[in-house]
C-alpha atoms as a PDB file:
ATOM      1  CA  MET A   1       0.000   0.000   0.000  1.00  0.00           C
ATOM      2  CA  LEU A   2       1.180   3.503  -0.795  1.00  0.00           C
ATOM      3  CA  THR A   3       1.548   5.936   2.074  1.00  0.00           C
ATOM      4  CA  ALA A   4      -0.258   9.280   2.015  1.00  0.00           C
ATOM      5  CA  GLU A   5       3.050  10.975   1.186  1.00  0.00           C
ATOM      6  CA  GLN A   6       3.674   8.604  -1.713  1.00  0.00           C
ATOM      7  CA  ARG A   7       0.183   9.154  -3.072  1.00  0.00           C
ATOM      8  CA  LYS A   8       0.833  12.879  -3.075  1.00  0.00           C
ATOM      9  CA  ARG A   9       4.279  12.546  -4.619  1.00  0.00           C
ATOM     10  CA  TYR A  10       3.208  10.248  -7.459  1.00  0.00           C
ATOM     11  CA  GLU A  11      -0.284  11.691  -7.921  1.00  0.00           C
ATOM     12  CA  ARG A  12       0.150  12.631 -11.598  1.00  0.00           C
ATOM     13  CA  GLN A  13       1.694   9.273 -12.403  1.00  0.00           C
ATOM     14  CA  VAL A  14      -1.014   7.306 -10.607  1.00  0.00           C
ATOM     15  CA  LEU A  15      -3.665   9.247 -12.540  1.00  0.00           C
ATOM     16  CA  PHE A  16      -2.314   7.674 -15.727  1.00  0.00           C
ATOM     17  CA  GLY A  17      -4.827   4.867 -16.257  1.00  0.00           C
ATOM     18  CA  PRO A  18      -2.548   2.055 -17.498  1.00  0.00           C
ATOM     19  CA  LEU A  19      -0.359   2.496 -14.398  1.00  0.00           C
ATOM     20  CA  GLY A  20      -2.647   3.467 -11.496  1.00  0.00           C
ATOM     21  CA  GLU A  21      -2.007   2.852  -7.815  1.00  0.00           C
ATOM     22  CA  ARG A  22      -1.356  -0.850  -8.281  1.00  0.00           C
ATOM     23  CA  GLY A  23       1.310  -0.100 -10.892  1.00  0.00           C
ATOM     24  CA  GLN A  24       2.892   2.483  -8.623  1.00  0.00           C
ATOM     25  CA  GLU A  25       3.084  -0.097  -5.846  1.00  0.00           C
ATOM     26  CA  ALA A  26       4.791  -2.486  -8.281  1.00  0.00           C
ATOM     27  CA  LEU A  27       7.393   0.159  -9.123  1.00  0.00           C
ATOM     28  CA  HIS A  28       8.014   0.773  -5.436  1.00  0.00           C
ATOM     29  CA  GLU A  29       8.695  -2.936  -4.958  1.00  0.00           C
ATOM     30  CA  SER A  30      11.020  -3.219  -7.967  1.00  0.00           C
ATOM     31  CA  CYS A  31      14.790  -3.370  -8.223  1.00  0.00           C
ATOM     32  CA  VAL A  32      16.485  -2.074 -11.381  1.00  0.00           C
ATOM     33  CA  THR A  33      20.164  -2.249 -12.279  1.00  0.00           C
ATOM     34  CA  VAL A  34      21.384   0.628 -14.442  1.00  0.00           C
ATOM     35  CA  ALA A  35      24.556  -0.563 -16.145  1.00  0.00           C
ATOM     36  CA  GLY A  36      26.587   2.525 -16.994  1.00  0.00           C
ATOM     37  CA  VAL A  37      25.518   5.961 -15.762  1.00  0.00           C
ATOM     38  CA  GLY A  38      26.865   8.059 -18.588  1.00  0.00           C
ATOM     39  CA  ALA A  39      24.577   9.603 -21.209  1.00  0.00           C
ATOM     40  CA  LEU A  40      21.912   6.879 -21.374  1.00  0.00           C
ATOM     41  CA  GLY A  41      22.182   5.515 -17.863  1.00  0.00           C
ATOM     42  CA  ALA A  42      22.252   8.848 -16.038  1.00  0.00           C
ATOM     43  CA  LEU A  43      19.007  10.044 -17.598  1.00  0.00           C
ATOM     44  CA  ALA A  44      17.398   6.609 -17.229  1.00  0.00           C
ATOM     45  CA  ALA A  45      18.346   6.494 -13.548  1.00  0.00           C
ATOM     46  CA  ASP A  46      16.925   9.974 -13.046  1.00  0.00           C
ATOM     47  CA  MET A  47      13.614   9.034 -14.682  1.00  0.00           C
ATOM     48  CA  LEU A  48      13.390   5.795 -12.707  1.00  0.00           C
ATOM     49  CA  ALA A  49      14.161   7.474  -9.383  1.00  0.00           C
ATOM     50  CA  ARG A  50      11.504  10.114 -10.027  1.00  0.00           C
ATOM     51  CA  ALA A  51       9.064   7.361 -11.025  1.00  0.00           C
ATOM     52  CA  GLY A  52       9.479   5.735  -7.606  1.00  0.00           C
ATOM     53  CA  ILE A  53      11.502   2.593  -8.292  1.00  0.00           C
ATOM     54  CA  GLY A  54      12.211   1.088  -4.893  1.00  0.00           C
ATOM     55  CA  ARG A  55      15.826   0.105  -5.443  1.00  0.00           C
ATOM     56  CA  LEU A  56      18.352   1.291  -8.012  1.00  0.00           C
ATOM     57  CA  ARG A  57      21.744  -0.316  -8.495  1.00  0.00           C
ATOM     58  CA  LEU A  58      24.090   2.026 -10.400  1.00  0.00           C
ATOM     59  CA  ILE A  59      27.204   0.538 -12.012  1.00  0.00           C
ATOM     60  CA  ASP A  60      30.026   2.642 -13.467  1.00  0.00           C
ATOM     61  CA  HIS A  61      33.769   2.800 -12.850  1.00  0.00           C
ATOM     62  CA  ASP A  62      34.500   5.941 -14.888  1.00  0.00           C
ATOM     63  CA  VAL A  63      35.141   9.402 -13.495  1.00  0.00           C
ATOM     64  CA  LEU A  64      33.505  12.494 -14.940  1.00  0.00           C
ATOM     65  CA  GLU A  65      35.174  14.575 -17.662  1.00  0.00           C
ATOM     66  CA  ILE A  66      34.223  18.072 -18.787  1.00  0.00           C
ATOM     67  CA  SER A  67      33.162  16.737 -22.215  1.00  0.00           C
ATOM     68  CA  ASN A  68      30.519  14.573 -20.497  1.00  0.00           C
ATOM     69  CA  LEU A  69      28.480  17.535 -19.256  1.00  0.00           C
ATOM     70  CA  GLN A  70      27.023  18.298 -22.685  1.00  0.00           C
ATOM     71  CA  ARG A  71      24.826  15.168 -22.550  1.00  0.00           C
ATOM     72  CA  GLN A  72      25.140  13.463 -19.127  1.00  0.00           C
ATOM     73  CA  MET A  73      22.383  15.208 -17.255  1.00  0.00           C
ATOM     74  CA  LEU A  74      22.911  14.174 -13.634  1.00  0.00           C
ATOM     75  CA  TYR A  75      26.200  16.020 -13.258  1.00  0.00           C
ATOM     76  CA  ASP A  76      27.533  19.567 -13.017  1.00  0.00           C
ATOM     77  CA  GLU A  77      30.870  21.388 -13.233  1.00  0.00           C
ATOM     78  CA  ALA A  78      31.754  20.792  -9.595  1.00  0.00           C
ATOM     79  CA  ASP A  79      31.576  17.041 -10.200  1.00  0.00           C
ATOM     80  CA  VAL A  80      34.349  17.216 -12.811  1.00  0.00           C
ATOM     81  CA  ASN A  81      36.901  17.914 -10.095  1.00  0.00           C
ATOM     82  CA  SER A  82      35.663  15.089  -7.902  1.00  0.00           C
ATOM     83  CA  SER A  83      37.601  11.874  -7.426  1.00  0.00           C
ATOM     84  CA  ARG A  84      34.337   9.961  -7.102  1.00  0.00           C
ATOM     85  CA  SER A  85      33.099   7.592  -9.796  1.00  0.00           C
ATOM     86  CA  LYS A  86      30.044   8.394 -11.872  1.00  0.00           C
ATOM     87  CA  ALA A  87      28.160   5.735  -9.915  1.00  0.00           C
ATOM     88  CA  GLU A  88      28.866   7.527  -6.641  1.00  0.00           C
ATOM     89  CA  LEU A  89      28.098  10.966  -8.080  1.00  0.00           C
ATOM     90  CA  ALA A  90      24.846   9.718  -9.577  1.00  0.00           C
ATOM     91  CA  ALA A  91      23.741   8.131  -6.305  1.00  0.00           C
ATOM     92  CA  ARG A  92      24.511  11.331  -4.396  1.00  0.00           C
ATOM     93  CA  ARG A  93      22.444  13.429  -6.799  1.00  0.00           C
ATOM     94  CA  LEU A  94      19.528  10.997  -6.928  1.00  0.00           C
ATOM     95  CA  ARG A  95      19.288  10.887  -3.134  1.00  0.00           C
ATOM     96  CA  ARG A  96      18.390  14.561  -3.364  1.00  0.00           C
ATOM     97  CA  VAL A  97      15.841  13.814  -6.087  1.00  0.00           C
ATOM     98  CA  ASN A  98      14.026  11.036  -4.212  1.00  0.00           C
ATOM     99  CA  SER A  99      15.263  10.106  -0.748  1.00  0.00           C
ATOM    100  CA  SER A 100      12.894   7.125  -0.539  1.00  0.00           C
ATOM    101  CA  VAL A 101      14.739   5.223  -3.288  1.00  0.00           C
ATOM    102  CA  HIS A 102      17.395   2.811  -2.040  1.00  0.00           C
ATOM    103  CA  LEU A 103      20.481   3.597  -4.135  1.00  0.00           C
ATOM    104  CA  VAL A 104      23.458   1.262  -4.441  1.00  0.00           C
ATOM    105  CA  PRO A 105      26.465   2.676  -6.331  1.00  0.00           C
ATOM    106  CA  VAL A 106      28.899   0.079  -7.686  1.00  0.00           C
ATOM    107  CA  THR A 107      32.304   1.297  -8.881  1.00  0.00           C
ATOM    108  CA  GLU A 108      33.354  -1.580 -11.111  1.00  0.00           C
ATOM    109  CA  LYS A 109      33.954  -2.221 -14.792  1.00  0.00           C
ATOM    110  CA  ILE A 110      31.503  -4.670 -16.355  1.00  0.00           C
ATOM    111  CA  THR A 111      33.198  -7.739 -17.821  1.00  0.00           C
ATOM    112  CA  GLU A 112      32.202 -11.195 -19.005  1.00  0.00           C
ATOM    113  CA  GLU A 113      33.488 -12.577 -15.711  1.00  0.00           C
ATOM    114  CA  ASN A 114      31.619 -10.319 -13.290  1.00  0.00           C
ATOM    115  CA  ALA A 115      28.440  -9.306 -15.139  1.00  0.00           C
ATOM    116  CA  GLU A 116      26.196 -11.821 -13.370  1.00  0.00           C
ATOM    117  CA  ASP A 117      27.358 -10.744  -9.929  1.00  0.00           C
ATOM    118  CA  LEU A 118      27.109  -7.042 -10.739  1.00  0.00           C
ATOM    119  CA  ILE A 119      23.528  -7.319 -11.961  1.00  0.00           C
ATOM    120  CA  GLY A 120      22.552  -8.583  -8.528  1.00  0.00           C
ATOM    121  CA  VAL A 121      18.946  -9.514  -7.804  1.00  0.00           C
ATOM    122  CA  ALA A 122      17.509  -7.030 -10.286  1.00  0.00           C
ATOM    123  CA  ASP A 123      14.053  -7.360 -11.786  1.00  0.00           C
ATOM    124  CA  LEU A 124      15.311  -5.570 -14.898  1.00  0.00           C
ATOM    125  CA  VAL A 125      18.525  -4.142 -16.364  1.00  0.00           C
ATOM    126  CA  ILE A 126      18.893  -0.891 -18.285  1.00  0.00           C
ATOM    127  CA  ASP A 127      21.784  -1.007 -20.757  1.00  0.00           C
ATOM    128  CA  GLY A 128      23.655   2.286 -20.592  1.00  0.00           C
ATOM    129  CA  VAL A 129      27.162   1.076 -21.379  1.00  0.00           C
ATOM    130  CA  ASP A 130      29.057   2.511 -24.330  1.00  0.00           C
ATOM    131  CA  ASN A 131      30.891  -0.498 -25.769  1.00  0.00           C
ATOM    132  CA  PHE A 132      29.889  -3.795 -27.323  1.00  0.00           C
ATOM    133  CA  ARG A 133      32.063  -5.919 -25.062  1.00  0.00           C
ATOM    134  CA  ALA A 134      30.149  -4.787 -21.986  1.00  0.00           C
ATOM    135  CA  LYS A 135      26.797  -4.942 -23.808  1.00  0.00           C
ATOM    136  CA  PHE A 136      27.401  -8.565 -24.808  1.00  0.00           C
ATOM    137  CA  ALA A 137      28.530  -9.419 -21.281  1.00  0.00           C
ATOM    138  CA  LEU A 138      25.263  -7.986 -19.951  1.00  0.00           C
ATOM    139  CA  ASN A 139      23.257  -9.715 -22.672  1.00  0.00           C
ATOM    140  CA  ARG A 140      24.728 -13.112 -21.868  1.00  0.00           C
ATOM    141  CA  ALA A 141      24.275 -12.628 -18.115  1.00  0.00           C
ATOM    142  CA  THR A 142      20.661 -11.455 -18.332  1.00  0.00           C
ATOM    143  CA  VAL A 143      19.647 -14.223 -20.752  1.00  0.00           C
ATOM    144  CA  LYS A 144      21.270 -16.799 -18.467  1.00  0.00           C
ATOM    145  CA  LEU A 145      19.592 -15.378 -15.353  1.00  0.00           C
ATOM    146  CA  GLY A 146      16.244 -14.824 -17.046  1.00  0.00           C
ATOM    147  CA  ILE A 147      16.228 -11.064 -16.346  1.00  0.00           C
ATOM    148  CA  PRO A 148      14.825  -8.622 -18.936  1.00  0.00           C
ATOM    149  CA  MET A 149      17.236  -6.013 -20.313  1.00  0.00           C
ATOM    150  CA  ILE A 150      16.469  -2.872 -22.291  1.00  0.00           C
ATOM    151  CA  TYR A 151      19.229  -2.368 -24.866  1.00  0.00           C
ATOM    152  CA  GLY A 152      20.188   1.144 -25.938  1.00  0.00           C
ATOM    153  CA  ALA A 153      22.789   2.661 -28.253  1.00  0.00           C
ATOM    154  CA  LEU A 154      23.348   6.018 -29.910  1.00  0.00           C
ATOM    155  CA  SER A 155      25.630   8.008 -32.179  1.00  0.00           C
ATOM    156  CA  GLY A 156      25.119  11.514 -33.507  1.00  0.00           C
ATOM    157  CA  THR A 157      21.363  11.897 -33.933  1.00  0.00           C
ATOM    158  CA  TYR A 158      20.668   8.191 -34.457  1.00  0.00           C
ATOM    159  CA  ALA A 159      19.698   5.767 -31.703  1.00  0.00           C
ATOM    160  CA  LEU A 160      18.535   2.193 -31.161  1.00  0.00           C
ATOM    161  CA  SER A 161      16.565   0.473 -28.428  1.00  0.00           C
ATOM    162  CA  MET A 162      15.233  -3.045 -27.977  1.00  0.00           C
ATOM    163  CA  PRO A 163      13.702  -4.965 -25.079  1.00  0.00           C
ATOM    164  CA  ILE A 164      15.427  -8.286 -24.493  1.00  0.00           C
ATOM    165  CA  ILE A 165      13.109 -10.665 -22.649  1.00  0.00           C
ATOM    166  CA  PRO A 166      14.795 -14.050 -22.160  1.00  0.00           C
ATOM    167  CA  GLY A 167      12.901 -16.926 -23.760  1.00  0.00           C
ATOM    168  CA  GLU A 168      10.485 -14.552 -25.509  1.00  0.00           C
ATOM    169  CA  THR A 169      12.292 -11.997 -27.682  1.00  0.00           C
ATOM    170  CA  ALA A 170      15.489 -11.730 -29.667  1.00  0.00           C
ATOM    171  CA  CYS A 171      18.706 -10.994 -27.787  1.00  0.00           C
ATOM    172  CA  LEU A 172      21.819  -9.203 -29.020  1.00  0.00           C
ATOM    173  CA  GLY A 173      23.172 -12.512 -30.275  1.00  0.00           C
ATOM    174  CA  CYS A 174      20.120 -12.794 -32.523  1.00  0.00           C
ATOM    175  CA  VAL A 175      20.701  -9.304 -33.917  1.00  0.00           C
ATOM    176  CA  TYR A 176      24.491  -9.472 -34.248  1.00  0.00           C
ATOM    177  CA  ARG A 177      25.737 -12.914 -35.217  1.00  0.00           C
ATOM    178  CA  GLU A 178      29.181 -11.859 -34.032  1.00  0.00           C
ATOM    179  CA  GLU A 179      30.148  -9.204 -31.523  1.00  0.00           C
ATOM    180  CA  PRO A 180      30.847  -6.068 -33.616  1.00  0.00           C
ATOM    181  CA  ASP A 181      34.389  -4.816 -33.859  1.00  0.00           C
ATOM    182  CA  GLU A 182      34.721  -1.745 -31.616  1.00  0.00           C
ATOM    183  CA  ALA A 183      37.161  -0.105 -34.013  1.00  0.00           C
ATOM    184  CA  SER A 184      34.652  -0.176 -36.877  1.00  0.00           C
ATOM    185  CA  SER A 185      31.616   0.948 -34.856  1.00  0.00           C
ATOM    186  CA  GLU A 186      30.528   4.568 -34.631  1.00  0.00           C
ATOM    187  CA  THR A 187      30.289   5.932 -31.101  1.00  0.00           C
ATOM    188  CA  ALA A 188      29.785   9.294 -29.465  1.00  0.00           C
ATOM    189  CA  SER A 189      33.552   9.656 -29.215  1.00  0.00           C
ATOM    190  CA  THR A 190      34.019   9.129 -32.977  1.00  0.00           C
ATOM    191  CA  ALA A 191      30.827  10.538 -34.547  1.00  0.00           C
ATOM    192  CA  GLY A 192      29.693  12.931 -31.832  1.00  0.00           C
ATOM    193  CA  VAL A 193      26.250  13.086 -30.245  1.00  0.00           C
ATOM    194  CA  ILE A 194      23.684  15.707 -29.300  1.00  0.00           C
ATOM    195  CA  ALA A 195      21.677  15.635 -26.089  1.00  0.00           C
ATOM    196  CA  PRO A 196      18.223  15.324 -27.726  1.00  0.00           C
ATOM    197  CA  THR A 197      19.308  11.932 -29.093  1.00  0.00           C
ATOM    198  CA  VAL A 198      19.926  10.793 -25.527  1.00  0.00           C
ATOM    199  CA  ALA A 199      16.516  11.986 -24.361  1.00  0.00           C
ATOM    200  CA  ALA A 200      14.720  10.269 -27.253  1.00  0.00           C
ATOM    201  CA  VAL A 201      16.189   6.806 -26.802  1.00  0.00           C
ATOM    202  CA  VAL A 202      16.067   6.869 -23.001  1.00  0.00           C
ATOM    203  CA  ALA A 203      12.366   7.710 -23.181  1.00  0.00           C
ATOM    204  CA  LEU A 204      11.849   4.477 -25.137  1.00  0.00           C
ATOM    205  CA  GLN A 205      14.022   2.471 -22.745  1.00  0.00           C
ATOM    206  CA  VAL A 206      12.322   3.687 -19.585  1.00  0.00           C
ATOM    207  CA  ALA A 207       8.793   3.429 -20.998  1.00  0.00           C
ATOM    208  CA  ASN A 208       9.376  -0.231 -21.858  1.00  0.00           C
ATOM    209  CA  ALA A 209      11.017  -0.802 -18.474  1.00  0.00           C
ATOM    210  CA  ILE A 210       8.006   0.593 -16.629  1.00  0.00           C
ATOM    211  CA  LYS A 211       5.642  -1.566 -18.683  1.00  0.00           C
ATOM    212  CA  LEU A 212       7.545  -4.710 -17.772  1.00  0.00           C
ATOM    213  CA  LEU A 213       7.852  -3.781 -14.102  1.00  0.00           C
ATOM    214  CA  ILE A 214       4.112  -3.201 -13.694  1.00  0.00           C
ATOM    215  CA  GLY A 215       3.199  -6.366 -15.591  1.00  0.00           C
ATOM    216  CA  ALA A 216       1.996  -4.678 -18.792  1.00  0.00           C
ATOM    217  CA  ARG A 217       3.885  -7.177 -20.947  1.00  0.00           C
ATOM    218  CA  GLY A 218       1.441  -6.897 -23.828  1.00  0.00           C
ATOM    219  CA  GLU A 219       2.116  -3.161 -24.157  1.00  0.00           C
ATOM    220  CA  VAL A 220       5.875  -3.527 -24.621  1.00  0.00           C
ATOM    221  CA  ILE A 221       7.196  -2.210 -27.939  1.00  0.00           C
ATOM    222  CA  GLU A 222       9.014  -5.263 -29.253  1.00  0.00           C
ATOM    223  CA  GLY A 223      11.620  -5.300 -31.994  1.00  0.00           C
ATOM    224  CA  LEU A 224      14.464  -2.948 -32.778  1.00  0.00           C
ATOM    225  CA  ALA A 225      13.328   0.675 -32.477  1.00  0.00           C
ATOM    226  CA  ARG A 226      15.326   3.078 -34.644  1.00  0.00           C
ATOM    227  CA  ILE A 227      15.092   6.831 -34.315  1.00  0.00           C
ATOM    228  CA  ASP A 228      16.850   9.772 -35.925  1.00  0.00           C
ATOM    229  CA  ILE A 229      15.843  12.967 -34.156  1.00  0.00           C
ATOM    230  CA  TRP A 230      17.500  15.167 -36.809  1.00  0.00           C
ATOM    231  CA  ASP A 231      15.586  13.751 -39.773  1.00  0.00           C
ATOM    232  CA  GLY A 232      12.485  12.929 -37.749  1.00  0.00           C
ATOM    233  CA  ASP A 233      12.576   9.245 -38.642  1.00  0.00           C
ATOM    234  CA  PHE A 234      11.172   6.583 -36.332  1.00  0.00           C
ATOM    235  CA  SER A 235      10.568   2.919 -37.058  1.00  0.00           C
ATOM    236  CA  VAL A 236      10.331  -0.386 -35.234  1.00  0.00           C
ATOM    237  CA  VAL A 237      11.796  -3.357 -37.065  1.00  0.00           C
ATOM    238  CA  PRO A 238      10.342  -6.727 -35.983  1.00  0.00           C
ATOM    239  CA  TRP A 239      13.258  -8.926 -35.001  1.00  0.00           C
ATOM    240  CA  PRO A 240      12.462 -12.601 -34.450  1.00  0.00           C
ATOM    241  CA  ARG A 241      14.596 -14.811 -32.281  1.00  0.00           C
ATOM    242  CA  ARG A 242      17.220 -16.479 -34.429  1.00  0.00           C
ATOM    243  CA  GLU A 243      17.440 -20.228 -34.578  1.00  0.00           C
ATOM    244  CA  GLY A 244      20.948 -21.237 -33.608  1.00  0.00           C
ATOM    245  CA  CYS A 245      21.690 -18.065 -31.625  1.00  0.00           C
ATOM    246  CA  ARG A 246      24.753 -18.987 -29.603  1.00  0.00           C
ATOM    247  CA  ILE A 247      23.553 -17.054 -26.540  1.00  0.00           C
ATOM    248  CA  CYS A 248      19.857 -17.961 -26.477  1.00  0.00           C
ATOM    249  CA  GLY A 249      20.711 -21.527 -27.425  1.00  0.00           C
ATOM    250  CA  GLU A 250      23.349 -21.950 -24.737  1.00  0.00           C
ATOM    251  CA  TYR A 251      20.879 -21.122 -21.975  1.00  0.00           C
ATOM    252  CA  GLY A 252      17.840 -22.875 -23.373  1.00  0.00           C
ATOM    253  CA  GLY A 253      16.081 -19.803 -24.736  1.00  0.00           C
ATOM    254  CA  GLY A 254      16.763 -20.152 -28.448  1.00  0.00           C
ATOM    255  CA  ALA A 255      14.053 -20.126 -31.106  1.00  0.00           C
ATOM    256  CA  GLU A 256      12.319 -23.412 -31.613  1.00  0.00           C
END
């Protein structure tokens, strides 16, 4: 049951019919791991904290640089001179946004070896990491553990998002038969990025996350969503699970 204070705080959200008080209670009882709290993860964590997620686990080993401020919206100039990790800085800021959320900062680099442990007991994972090695480590770990993950990627004004629901939808191994070569992939550091791109793709990520957390599985936008905020293009490409996917197949979730 929501307290009187919570009802007041989340009044506008509860008024949204598909969510309601029961959905708000589900959010309050949920645990989400935000993997990477740079451009995507910082904004996603902010939205989730304001939405009333009960527990947020924030993973990032990087420290803040001045070039991050243009698009990483949880931080300010004073944070650039801090020796704290982005995970710690994000947790500190979000405690001032919503003190009722239990925040757990984790200052570690995500690898194939530690991804399962870092995810913890999450109900859902938001992908905010900026390299394919970490994304594939998270993909393998979440498929193995049966935890949904919301993939996100961006470059310039173009962005991608896809819900990965183990045993039900395609995973990254279904989309990319082989892990892409980092050197040949465009990133924010090679092609640049503008902040509206971040806001657009994170909105898709968090909306799908909320749907899954409140049990609105049928409302989830499946497939690979592609958006270019400069040209105004938006499309969702249906992406079936691939027979023989090495990741889905290894953990019993491959297409039949």
